[in-house]
C-alpha atoms as a PDB file:
ATOM      1  CA  MET A   1       4.971 -12.869 -29.551  1.00  0.00           C
ATOM      2  CA  PRO A   2       3.361 -14.345 -26.418  1.00  0.00           C
ATOM      3  CA  VAL A   3      -0.407 -14.419 -26.180  1.00  0.00           C
ATOM      4  CA  GLU A   4      -1.936 -12.917 -23.057  1.00  0.00           C
ATOM      5  CA  TYR A   5      -5.223 -14.289 -21.847  1.00  0.00           C
ATOM      6  CA  LEU A   6      -7.643 -12.208 -19.830  1.00  0.00           C
ATOM      7  CA  THR A   7      -9.821 -13.849 -17.210  1.00  0.00           C
ATOM      8  CA  PRO A   8     -12.939 -11.640 -17.261  1.00  0.00           C
ATOM      9  CA  ARG A   9     -14.087 -12.750 -13.823  1.00  0.00           C
ATOM     10  CA  ILE A  10     -10.806 -11.554 -12.274  1.00  0.00           C
ATOM     11  CA  GLU A  11      -9.733  -8.539 -14.373  1.00  0.00           C
ATOM     12  CA  ASP A  12     -11.676  -5.973 -16.289  1.00  0.00           C
ATOM     13  CA  ARG A  13     -11.094  -5.666 -20.022  1.00  0.00           C
ATOM     14  CA  ALA A  14      -8.532  -2.904 -19.588  1.00  0.00           C
ATOM     15  CA  GLY A  15      -6.584  -5.025 -17.109  1.00  0.00           C
ATOM     16  CA  GLU A  16      -6.921  -2.374 -14.413  1.00  0.00           C
ATOM     17  CA  PRO A  17      -6.906  -3.380 -10.755  1.00  0.00           C
ATOM     18  CA  VAL A  18     -10.331  -4.118  -9.343  1.00  0.00           C
ATOM     19  CA  ARG A  19     -11.400  -3.291  -5.779  1.00  0.00           C
ATOM     20  CA  ALA A  20     -10.718  -6.162  -3.385  1.00  0.00           C
ATOM     21  CA  HIS A  21     -14.344  -7.081  -2.712  1.00  0.00           C
ATOM     22  CA  LEU A  22     -15.149  -7.115  -6.432  1.00  0.00           C
ATOM     23  CA  ARG A  23     -12.145  -9.379  -7.005  1.00  0.00           C
ATOM     24  CA  ARG A  24     -13.416 -11.719  -4.278  1.00  0.00           C
ATOM     25  CA  LEU A  25     -16.868 -11.873  -5.863  1.00  0.00           C
ATOM     26  CA  MET A  26     -15.401 -12.526  -9.304  1.00  0.00           C
ATOM     27  CA  ALA A  27     -13.116 -15.241  -7.929  1.00  0.00           C
ATOM     28  CA  ASP A  28     -16.235 -16.855  -6.414  1.00  0.00           C
ATOM     29  CA  GLY A  29     -17.907 -17.051  -9.833  1.00  0.00           C
ATOM     30  CA  VAL A  30     -19.791 -13.757 -10.122  1.00  0.00           C
ATOM     31  CA  THR A  31     -19.389 -12.040 -13.493  1.00  0.00           C
ATOM     32  CA  ILE A  32     -19.125  -8.269 -13.167  1.00  0.00           C
ATOM     33  CA  VAL A  33     -19.285  -7.045 -16.750  1.00  0.00           C
ATOM     34  CA  ASP A  34     -17.768  -3.601 -16.101  1.00  0.00           C
ATOM     35  CA  PRO A  35     -16.126  -3.362 -12.655  1.00  0.00           C
ATOM     36  CA  ARG A  36     -15.125   0.261 -13.193  1.00  0.00           C
ATOM     37  CA  ASN A  37     -18.774   1.267 -13.576  1.00  0.00           C
ATOM     38  CA  THR A  38     -20.283  -0.973 -10.908  1.00  0.00           C
ATOM     39  CA  SER A  39     -20.600  -0.332  -7.185  1.00  0.00           C
ATOM     40  CA  ILE A  40     -21.154  -3.231  -4.783  1.00  0.00           C
ATOM     41  CA  ASP A  41     -21.260  -2.823  -1.020  1.00  0.00           C
ATOM     42  CA  PRO A  42     -18.740  -5.160   0.676  1.00  0.00           C
ATOM     43  CA  ARG A  43     -21.567  -6.429   2.925  1.00  0.00           C
ATOM     44  CA  ALA A  44     -23.484  -7.822  -0.055  1.00  0.00           C
ATOM     45  CA  THR A  45     -23.397 -11.536  -0.854  1.00  0.00           C
ATOM     46  CA  ILE A  46     -23.892 -12.735  -4.424  1.00  0.00           C
ATOM     47  CA  GLY A  47     -24.212 -16.312  -5.642  1.00  0.00           C
ATOM     48  CA  ALA A  48     -22.092 -17.965  -8.321  1.00  0.00           C
ATOM     49  CA  ASP A  49     -22.919 -17.558 -12.007  1.00  0.00           C
ATOM     50  CA  THR A  50     -24.743 -14.285 -11.393  1.00  0.00           C
ATOM     51  CA  PHE A  51     -24.115 -11.495 -13.909  1.00  0.00           C
ATOM     52  CA  ILE A  52     -23.861  -7.894 -12.700  1.00  0.00           C
ATOM     53  CA  TYR A  53     -24.201  -5.504 -15.632  1.00  0.00           C
ATOM     54  CA  PRO A  54     -22.768  -1.962 -15.972  1.00  0.00           C
ATOM     55  CA  MET A  55     -23.996   1.001 -13.959  1.00  0.00           C
ATOM     56  CA  THR A  56     -25.413  -1.235 -11.223  1.00  0.00           C
ATOM     57  CA  VAL A  57     -25.315  -0.143  -7.581  1.00  0.00           C
ATOM     58  CA  ILE A  58     -25.780  -2.665  -4.788  1.00  0.00           C
ATOM     59  CA  ASP A  59     -25.938  -0.639  -1.588  1.00  0.00           C
ATOM     60  CA  GLY A  60     -26.213  -2.465   1.713  1.00  0.00           C
ATOM     61  CA  PRO A  61     -26.251  -6.055   2.930  1.00  0.00           C
ATOM     62  CA  ALA A  62     -28.210  -7.470  -0.015  1.00  0.00           C
ATOM     63  CA  LYS A  63     -28.329 -11.227  -0.570  1.00  0.00           C
ATOM     64  CA  ILE A  64     -28.475 -12.133  -4.250  1.00  0.00           C
ATOM     65  CA  GLY A  65     -28.769 -15.772  -5.216  1.00  0.00           C
ATOM     66  CA  ALA A  66     -26.998 -17.789  -7.892  1.00  0.00           C
ATOM     67  CA  ASN A  67     -27.726 -17.576 -11.635  1.00  0.00           C
ATOM     68  CA  CYS A  68     -29.288 -14.085 -11.424  1.00  0.00           C
ATOM     69  CA  GLN A  69     -28.896 -11.131 -13.768  1.00  0.00           C
ATOM     70  CA  ILE A  70     -28.798  -7.665 -12.205  1.00  0.00           C
ATOM     71  CA  GLY A  71     -28.817  -4.504 -14.326  1.00  0.00           C
ATOM     72  CA  PRO A  72     -27.833  -2.664 -16.315  1.00  0.00           C
ATOM     73  CA  LEU A  73     -28.711   0.564 -14.531  1.00  0.00           C
ATOM     74  CA  ALA A  74     -30.092  -1.217 -11.456  1.00  0.00           C
ATOM     75  CA  LEU A  75     -30.214  -0.049  -7.860  1.00  0.00           C
ATOM     76  CA  VAL A  76     -30.481  -2.660  -5.108  1.00  0.00           C
ATOM     77  CA  ARG A  77     -30.672  -0.953  -1.718  1.00  0.00           C
ATOM     78  CA  GLY A  78     -30.806  -2.302   1.807  1.00  0.00           C
ATOM     79  CA  ALA A  79     -31.313  -5.806   3.130  1.00  0.00           C
ATOM     80  CA  VAL A  80     -32.947  -7.125  -0.030  1.00  0.00           C
ATOM     81  CA  THR A  81     -32.991 -10.890  -0.646  1.00  0.00           C
ATOM     82  CA  LEU A  82     -33.221 -12.207  -4.214  1.00  0.00           C
ATOM     83  CA  PRO A  83     -33.462 -16.015  -4.481  1.00  0.00           C
ATOM     84  CA  ASP A  84     -31.552 -18.267  -6.884  1.00  0.00           C
ATOM     85  CA  PHE A  85     -32.908 -18.042 -10.404  1.00  0.00           C
END
């Protein structure tokens, strides 16, 4: 029986398709723990090795640096800038 490996930065745990902008962020090194329960505005930029936890909403052109942790249950609204951690 072949073993299937799941790349958590590209697919969610259920293997369901992820919205295109979330896929782009994950391919760029952002870890979105639960893509089905996370909302990220396509205008937002997020640095590599940042973790976005479940029930997080990023609404607007936010700029989030690398190595950050956002959430769970966080709301980032507007043109907020969070530096690298």
